[in-house]
């Protein structure tokens, strides 16, 4: 699995549709004026799939008047670990059970697994590289 951070510039609106269209899962979004900042996940086996998806994304973005810069995509490789999910689910279940009974147990477990997955992603990442906007796609 890969975590990719995108920095997109250009027209108004967001790029969620284009990101999902090429297979990225957005987990964080921030907008500052005309600049958009996305943190996404890509479930792929090798780096070639990720680079191909980034090239496809840049094509779809250019059709909507958006573009990138020299640091368009920052790629991290994420190790697949279950420690955060297990710890988060257990801790969430215990706190949820004491706070809200059986309903709190279920909600606490789900919330703990989600937060544990985010912790796994943050702790198990290693920088692969930075890609600029493809030269073959003009602005």
N, C-alpha and C. Protein backbone atom coordinates (compact mmCIF):
# COMPACT_ATOMS: atom_id res chain seq x y z
N UNK A 1 0.85 -1.16 0.00
CA UNK A 1 0.00 0.00 0.00
C UNK A 1 0.91 1.23 0.00
N UNK A 2 0.44 2.26 -0.65
CA UNK A 2 1.21 3.51 -0.76
C UNK A 2 0.36 4.69 -0.29
N UNK A 3 1.03 5.62 0.37
CA UNK A 3 0.41 6.89 0.75
C UNK A 3 0.99 7.94 -0.17
N UNK A 4 0.10 8.71 -0.82
CA UNK A 4 0.54 9.73 -1.76
C UNK A 4 -0.05 11.06 -1.33
N UNK A 5 0.80 12.08 -1.25
CA UNK A 5 0.36 13.43 -0.91
C UNK A 5 0.41 14.27 -2.18
N UNK A 6 -0.74 14.84 -2.54
CA UNK A 6 -0.84 15.65 -3.76
C UNK A 6 -0.96 17.13 -3.41
N UNK A 7 -0.29 17.96 -4.21
CA UNK A 7 -0.43 19.42 -4.14
C UNK A 7 -0.91 19.88 -5.51
N UNK A 8 -2.17 20.32 -5.57
CA UNK A 8 -2.81 20.65 -6.84
C UNK A 8 -3.14 22.14 -6.85
N UNK A 9 -2.90 22.77 -7.98
CA UNK A 9 -3.20 24.19 -8.16
C UNK A 9 -4.18 24.35 -9.31
N UNK A 10 -4.88 25.47 -9.32
CA UNK A 10 -5.74 25.74 -10.47
C UNK A 10 -7.12 26.22 -10.09
N UNK A 11 -8.09 25.83 -10.93
CA UNK A 11 -9.46 26.31 -10.83
C UNK A 11 -10.12 25.94 -9.50
N UNK A 12 -11.26 26.59 -9.26
CA UNK A 12 -12.03 26.32 -8.06
C UNK A 12 -12.64 24.92 -8.11
N UNK A 13 -13.09 24.44 -6.96
CA UNK A 13 -13.67 23.11 -6.87
C UNK A 13 -12.64 22.14 -6.31
N UNK A 14 -13.11 20.95 -5.96
CA UNK A 14 -12.18 19.95 -5.44
C UNK A 14 -11.97 18.83 -6.45
N UNK A 15 -11.06 17.95 -6.15
CA UNK A 15 -10.65 16.91 -7.09
C UNK A 15 -10.96 15.51 -6.58
N UNK A 16 -11.96 15.38 -5.71
CA UNK A 16 -12.30 14.06 -5.16
C UNK A 16 -12.72 13.08 -6.25
N UNK A 17 -13.49 13.55 -7.20
CA UNK A 17 -13.97 12.67 -8.28
C UNK A 17 -12.81 12.09 -9.08
N UNK A 18 -11.87 12.93 -9.43
CA UNK A 18 -10.73 12.47 -10.22
C UNK A 18 -9.84 11.51 -9.42
N UNK A 19 -9.66 11.80 -8.13
CA UNK A 19 -8.84 10.93 -7.29
C UNK A 19 -9.45 9.53 -7.19
N UNK A 20 -10.75 9.48 -6.95
CA UNK A 20 -11.42 8.18 -6.84
C UNK A 20 -11.47 7.46 -8.18
N UNK A 21 -11.55 8.20 -9.25
CA UNK A 21 -11.64 7.62 -10.59
C UNK A 21 -10.41 6.80 -10.94
N UNK A 22 -9.24 7.22 -10.49
CA UNK A 22 -8.01 6.49 -10.81
C UNK A 22 -7.56 5.54 -9.70
N UNK A 23 -8.31 5.46 -8.60
CA UNK A 23 -8.04 4.46 -7.58
C UNK A 23 -7.44 4.95 -6.28
N UNK A 24 -7.34 6.26 -6.08
CA UNK A 24 -6.82 6.78 -4.82
C UNK A 24 -7.96 6.94 -3.83
N UNK A 25 -7.66 6.69 -2.56
CA UNK A 25 -8.64 6.82 -1.48
C UNK A 25 -8.26 8.05 -0.67
N UNK A 26 -9.01 9.15 -0.78
CA UNK A 26 -8.67 10.37 -0.02
C UNK A 26 -8.95 10.17 1.47
N UNK A 27 -7.97 10.53 2.32
CA UNK A 27 -8.19 10.45 3.76
C UNK A 27 -8.08 11.82 4.43
N UNK A 28 -7.51 12.80 3.74
CA UNK A 28 -7.38 14.15 4.29
C UNK A 28 -7.39 15.14 3.15
N UNK A 29 -8.04 16.30 3.39
CA UNK A 29 -8.15 17.33 2.36
C UNK A 29 -8.03 18.69 3.02
N UNK A 30 -7.27 19.58 2.38
CA UNK A 30 -7.16 20.96 2.85
C UNK A 30 -7.07 21.86 1.64
N UNK A 31 -7.71 23.01 1.72
CA UNK A 31 -7.70 23.95 0.61
C UNK A 31 -7.27 25.32 1.13
N UNK A 32 -6.36 25.95 0.39
CA UNK A 32 -5.87 27.27 0.74
C UNK A 32 -5.92 28.13 -0.52
N UNK A 33 -6.99 28.89 -0.68
CA UNK A 33 -7.16 29.67 -1.90
C UNK A 33 -7.40 28.76 -3.08
N UNK A 34 -6.50 28.81 -4.07
CA UNK A 34 -6.61 27.94 -5.23
C UNK A 34 -5.75 26.68 -5.11
N UNK A 35 -5.03 26.55 -4.00
CA UNK A 35 -4.18 25.38 -3.79
C UNK A 35 -4.95 24.31 -3.02
N UNK A 36 -4.85 23.08 -3.47
CA UNK A 36 -5.48 21.95 -2.80
C UNK A 36 -4.40 21.00 -2.32
N UNK A 37 -4.63 20.40 -1.17
CA UNK A 37 -3.67 19.49 -0.55
C UNK A 37 -4.43 18.22 -0.17
N UNK A 38 -4.04 17.07 -0.73
CA UNK A 38 -4.72 15.81 -0.47
C UNK A 38 -3.72 14.78 0.06
N UNK A 39 -4.15 14.03 1.07
CA UNK A 39 -3.41 12.85 1.52
C UNK A 39 -4.28 11.66 1.14
N UNK A 40 -3.72 10.76 0.33
CA UNK A 40 -4.49 9.64 -0.20
C UNK A 40 -3.76 8.32 0.03
N UNK A 41 -4.52 7.24 -0.09
CA UNK A 41 -3.95 5.89 -0.05
C UNK A 41 -4.18 5.23 -1.39
N UNK A 42 -3.23 4.40 -1.78
CA UNK A 42 -3.36 3.64 -3.03
C UNK A 42 -3.01 2.19 -2.73
N UNK A 43 -3.96 1.31 -2.98
CA UNK A 43 -3.71 -0.11 -2.74
C UNK A 43 -3.15 -0.72 -4.02
N UNK A 44 -1.86 -0.84 -4.04
CA UNK A 44 -1.19 -1.39 -5.20
C UNK A 44 0.01 -2.22 -4.76
N UNK A 45 0.43 -3.10 -5.63
CA UNK A 45 1.53 -4.00 -5.29
C UNK A 45 2.90 -3.38 -5.54
N UNK A 46 3.02 -2.60 -6.62
CA UNK A 46 4.34 -2.07 -6.95
C UNK A 46 4.26 -0.58 -7.29
N UNK A 47 5.42 0.01 -7.36
CA UNK A 47 5.53 1.45 -7.60
C UNK A 47 5.08 1.84 -9.01
N UNK A 48 5.21 0.93 -9.96
CA UNK A 48 4.78 1.22 -11.33
C UNK A 48 3.29 1.51 -11.43
N UNK A 49 2.48 0.77 -10.67
CA UNK A 49 1.04 1.03 -10.65
C UNK A 49 0.74 2.42 -10.11
N UNK A 50 1.47 2.82 -9.09
CA UNK A 50 1.25 4.13 -8.47
C UNK A 50 1.61 5.24 -9.46
N UNK A 51 2.74 5.10 -10.12
CA UNK A 51 3.16 6.12 -11.09
C UNK A 51 2.19 6.20 -12.27
N UNK A 52 1.67 5.07 -12.70
CA UNK A 52 0.68 5.09 -13.78
C UNK A 52 -0.60 5.78 -13.35
N UNK A 53 -1.04 5.52 -12.11
CA UNK A 53 -2.24 6.18 -11.60
C UNK A 53 -2.02 7.68 -11.44
N UNK A 54 -0.82 8.10 -11.06
CA UNK A 54 -0.52 9.53 -10.93
C UNK A 54 -0.54 10.19 -12.31
N UNK A 55 -0.02 9.52 -13.32
CA UNK A 55 -0.06 10.05 -14.68
C UNK A 55 -1.51 10.18 -15.17
N UNK A 56 -2.34 9.17 -14.89
CA UNK A 56 -3.75 9.25 -15.26
C UNK A 56 -4.45 10.39 -14.54
N UNK A 57 -4.15 10.56 -13.26
CA UNK A 57 -4.75 11.64 -12.49
C UNK A 57 -4.37 13.00 -13.06
N UNK A 58 -3.10 13.17 -13.43
CA UNK A 58 -2.68 14.46 -13.98
C UNK A 58 -3.39 14.76 -15.29
N UNK A 59 -3.68 13.71 -16.08
CA UNK A 59 -4.43 13.93 -17.32
C UNK A 59 -5.85 14.41 -17.01
N UNK A 60 -6.52 13.75 -16.07
CA UNK A 60 -7.89 14.16 -15.71
C UNK A 60 -7.92 15.55 -15.09
N UNK A 61 -6.93 15.87 -14.29
CA UNK A 61 -6.88 17.21 -13.68
C UNK A 61 -6.66 18.29 -14.73
N UNK A 62 -5.81 18.00 -15.72
CA UNK A 62 -5.54 19.01 -16.76
C UNK A 62 -6.77 19.29 -17.60
N UNK A 63 -7.66 18.30 -17.74
CA UNK A 63 -8.91 18.53 -18.46
C UNK A 63 -9.81 19.51 -17.72
N UNK A 64 -9.64 19.61 -16.39
CA UNK A 64 -10.44 20.53 -15.58
C UNK A 64 -9.71 21.82 -15.26
N UNK A 65 -8.59 22.09 -15.93
CA UNK A 65 -7.86 23.33 -15.74
C UNK A 65 -6.99 23.37 -14.50
N UNK A 66 -6.63 22.21 -13.96
CA UNK A 66 -5.77 22.16 -12.78
C UNK A 66 -4.39 21.65 -13.18
N UNK A 67 -3.42 21.94 -12.35
CA UNK A 67 -2.05 21.54 -12.66
C UNK A 67 -1.27 21.36 -11.37
N UNK A 68 -0.06 20.88 -11.50
CA UNK A 68 0.81 20.69 -10.36
C UNK A 68 2.13 21.39 -10.57
N UNK A 69 3.00 21.25 -9.60
CA UNK A 69 4.30 21.90 -9.63
C UNK A 69 5.39 20.84 -9.58
N UNK A 70 6.58 21.23 -9.19
CA UNK A 70 7.69 20.28 -9.12
C UNK A 70 7.50 19.25 -8.01
N UNK A 71 6.64 19.55 -7.02
CA UNK A 71 6.36 18.60 -5.95
C UNK A 71 4.89 18.19 -5.97
N UNK A 72 4.42 17.81 -7.14
CA UNK A 72 3.02 17.45 -7.34
C UNK A 72 2.61 16.25 -6.49
N UNK A 73 3.42 15.20 -6.42
CA UNK A 73 3.08 13.99 -5.68
C UNK A 73 4.28 13.52 -4.86
N UNK A 74 4.06 13.33 -3.57
CA UNK A 74 5.07 12.76 -2.68
C UNK A 74 4.59 11.35 -2.31
N UNK A 75 5.42 10.34 -2.57
CA UNK A 75 5.01 8.95 -2.41
C UNK A 75 5.71 8.34 -1.20
N UNK A 76 4.92 7.68 -0.34
CA UNK A 76 5.43 6.93 0.79
C UNK A 76 4.97 5.49 0.67
N UNK A 77 5.84 4.56 0.99
CA UNK A 77 5.44 3.15 1.04
C UNK A 77 5.02 2.85 2.47
N UNK A 78 3.86 2.21 2.62
CA UNK A 78 3.31 1.94 3.94
C UNK A 78 3.40 0.44 4.20
N UNK A 79 4.03 0.07 5.31
CA UNK A 79 4.09 -1.33 5.71
C UNK A 79 2.73 -1.78 6.21
N UNK A 80 2.38 -3.03 5.96
CA UNK A 80 1.08 -3.55 6.37
C UNK A 80 1.20 -4.17 7.76
N UNK A 81 0.79 -3.43 8.77
CA UNK A 81 0.87 -3.88 10.15
C UNK A 81 -0.52 -3.85 10.77
N UNK A 82 -0.77 -4.78 11.66
CA UNK A 82 -2.08 -4.85 12.31
C UNK A 82 -2.03 -4.46 13.77
N UNK A 83 -0.87 -4.06 14.27
CA UNK A 83 -0.72 -3.74 15.68
C UNK A 83 -1.62 -2.58 16.10
N UNK A 84 -1.65 -1.51 15.32
CA UNK A 84 -2.48 -0.34 15.67
C UNK A 84 -3.96 -0.66 15.64
N UNK A 85 -4.39 -1.47 14.67
CA UNK A 85 -5.81 -1.84 14.59
C UNK A 85 -6.23 -2.68 15.79
N UNK A 86 -5.38 -3.61 16.18
CA UNK A 86 -5.70 -4.47 17.33
C UNK A 86 -5.74 -3.66 18.62
N UNK A 87 -4.71 -2.85 18.84
CA UNK A 87 -4.65 -2.03 20.05
C UNK A 87 -5.79 -1.00 20.08
N UNK A 88 -6.04 -0.35 18.95
CA UNK A 88 -7.11 0.65 18.89
C UNK A 88 -8.48 0.04 19.08
N UNK A 89 -8.72 -1.11 18.47
CA UNK A 89 -10.02 -1.77 18.63
C UNK A 89 -10.26 -2.22 20.05
N UNK A 90 -9.23 -2.76 20.69
CA UNK A 90 -9.37 -3.22 22.08
C UNK A 90 -9.59 -2.05 23.02
N UNK A 91 -8.77 -1.04 22.89
CA UNK A 91 -8.90 0.13 23.76
C UNK A 91 -10.24 0.83 23.54
N UNK A 92 -10.66 0.98 22.27
CA UNK A 92 -11.95 1.59 21.97
C UNK A 92 -13.11 0.80 22.52
N UNK A 93 -13.02 -0.54 22.46
CA UNK A 93 -14.09 -1.39 22.99
C UNK A 93 -14.20 -1.25 24.50
N UNK A 94 -13.06 -1.22 25.19
CA UNK A 94 -13.11 -1.09 26.65
C UNK A 94 -13.69 0.25 27.09
N UNK A 95 -13.19 1.32 26.48
CA UNK A 95 -13.69 2.65 26.84
C UNK A 95 -15.16 2.79 26.45
N UNK A 96 -15.52 2.30 25.28
CA UNK A 96 -16.91 2.37 24.84
C UNK A 96 -17.85 1.58 25.72
N UNK A 97 -17.41 0.41 26.20
CA UNK A 97 -18.27 -0.41 27.05
C UNK A 97 -18.53 0.28 28.39
N UNK A 98 -17.47 0.88 28.96
CA UNK A 98 -17.65 1.57 30.24
C UNK A 98 -18.47 2.84 30.08
N UNK A 99 -18.38 3.50 28.95
CA UNK A 99 -19.09 4.76 28.74
C UNK A 99 -20.53 4.56 28.27
N UNK A 100 -20.78 3.53 27.44
CA UNK A 100 -22.12 3.42 26.86
C UNK A 100 -22.69 2.03 26.74
N UNK A 101 -22.16 1.08 27.47
CA UNK A 101 -22.72 -0.27 27.42
C UNK A 101 -22.39 -0.97 26.10
N UNK A 102 -23.34 -1.78 25.64
CA UNK A 102 -23.13 -2.58 24.43
C UNK A 102 -23.02 -1.69 23.19
N UNK A 103 -23.86 -0.66 23.09
CA UNK A 103 -23.78 0.25 21.94
C UNK A 103 -22.42 0.96 21.92
N UNK A 104 -21.93 1.38 23.08
CA UNK A 104 -20.63 2.01 23.17
C UNK A 104 -19.51 1.04 22.82
N UNK A 105 -19.69 -0.24 23.15
CA UNK A 105 -18.70 -1.26 22.81
C UNK A 105 -18.54 -1.37 21.30
N UNK A 106 -19.66 -1.39 20.59
CA UNK A 106 -19.61 -1.53 19.13
C UNK A 106 -19.02 -0.28 18.49
N UNK A 107 -19.51 0.88 18.89
CA UNK A 107 -18.99 2.13 18.32
C UNK A 107 -17.53 2.36 18.69
N UNK A 108 -17.16 2.04 19.93
CA UNK A 108 -15.78 2.19 20.35
C UNK A 108 -14.83 1.28 19.60
N UNK A 109 -15.29 0.06 19.31
CA UNK A 109 -14.46 -0.87 18.55
C UNK A 109 -14.21 -0.36 17.15
N UNK A 110 -15.29 0.08 16.48
CA UNK A 110 -15.14 0.60 15.12
C UNK A 110 -14.27 1.85 15.07
N UNK A 111 -14.49 2.76 16.00
CA UNK A 111 -13.67 3.97 16.05
C UNK A 111 -12.22 3.67 16.37
N UNK A 112 -11.99 2.72 17.27
CA UNK A 112 -10.63 2.34 17.63
C UNK A 112 -9.88 1.69 16.47
N UNK A 113 -10.59 0.85 15.69
CA UNK A 113 -9.97 0.22 14.52
C UNK A 113 -9.59 1.28 13.49
N UNK A 114 -10.49 2.25 13.27
CA UNK A 114 -10.21 3.32 12.31
C UNK A 114 -8.99 4.14 12.74
N UNK A 115 -8.96 4.56 14.01
CA UNK A 115 -7.82 5.34 14.49
C UNK A 115 -6.53 4.51 14.52
N UNK A 116 -6.67 3.22 14.80
CA UNK A 116 -5.51 2.33 14.77
C UNK A 116 -4.94 2.19 13.37
N UNK A 117 -5.82 2.15 12.37
CA UNK A 117 -5.36 2.08 10.97
C UNK A 117 -4.60 3.34 10.60
N UNK A 118 -5.09 4.50 11.01
CA UNK A 118 -4.38 5.75 10.74
C UNK A 118 -3.02 5.78 11.45
N UNK A 119 -2.97 5.25 12.67
CA UNK A 119 -1.69 5.19 13.39
C UNK A 119 -0.72 4.25 12.69
N UNK A 120 -1.21 3.11 12.18
CA UNK A 120 -0.36 2.19 11.43
C UNK A 120 0.23 2.85 10.20
N UNK A 121 -0.59 3.62 9.52
CA UNK A 121 -0.14 4.30 8.30
C UNK A 121 0.95 5.31 8.63
N UNK A 122 0.75 6.10 9.69
CA UNK A 122 1.72 7.14 10.04
C UNK A 122 3.03 6.55 10.55
N UNK A 123 2.96 5.44 11.30
CA UNK A 123 4.18 4.88 11.89
C UNK A 123 4.96 4.00 10.92
N UNK A 124 4.27 3.39 9.94
CA UNK A 124 4.94 2.44 9.09
C UNK A 124 5.26 2.95 7.70
N UNK A 125 5.45 4.24 7.54
CA UNK A 125 5.69 4.78 6.20
C UNK A 125 7.17 5.07 5.97
N UNK A 126 7.58 4.93 4.71
CA UNK A 126 8.95 5.26 4.33
C UNK A 126 8.91 5.98 2.99
N UNK A 127 9.65 7.08 2.89
CA UNK A 127 9.63 7.93 1.70
C UNK A 127 10.20 7.17 0.50
N UNK A 128 9.44 7.19 -0.60
CA UNK A 128 9.89 6.56 -1.83
C UNK A 128 10.42 7.62 -2.79
N UNK A 129 9.71 8.73 -2.94
CA UNK A 129 10.17 9.77 -3.84
C UNK A 129 9.14 10.87 -4.04
N UNK A 130 9.55 11.87 -4.79
CA UNK A 130 8.70 13.01 -5.11
C UNK A 130 8.62 13.11 -6.63
N UNK A 131 7.40 13.23 -7.14
CA UNK A 131 7.19 13.36 -8.58
C UNK A 131 6.66 14.74 -8.90
N UNK A 132 7.16 15.32 -9.97
CA UNK A 132 6.65 16.60 -10.45
C UNK A 132 5.53 16.40 -11.45
N UNK A 133 4.94 17.49 -11.87
CA UNK A 133 3.90 17.44 -12.88
C UNK A 133 4.50 16.91 -14.18
N UNK A 134 3.86 15.94 -14.83
CA UNK A 134 4.44 15.36 -16.07
C UNK A 134 4.59 16.41 -17.18
N UNK A 135 5.75 16.44 -17.82
CA UNK A 135 6.00 17.41 -18.87
C UNK A 135 5.17 17.12 -20.11
N UNK A 136 4.77 15.87 -20.31
CA UNK A 136 3.99 15.54 -21.50
C UNK A 136 2.58 16.13 -21.45
N UNK A 137 2.14 16.50 -20.25
CA UNK A 137 0.82 17.11 -20.10
C UNK A 137 1.05 18.60 -19.84
N UNK A 138 0.74 19.41 -20.83
CA UNK A 138 1.00 20.84 -20.68
C UNK A 138 -0.11 21.49 -19.91
N UNK A 139 0.19 22.68 -19.36
CA UNK A 139 -0.82 23.41 -18.57
C UNK A 139 -1.73 24.11 -19.49
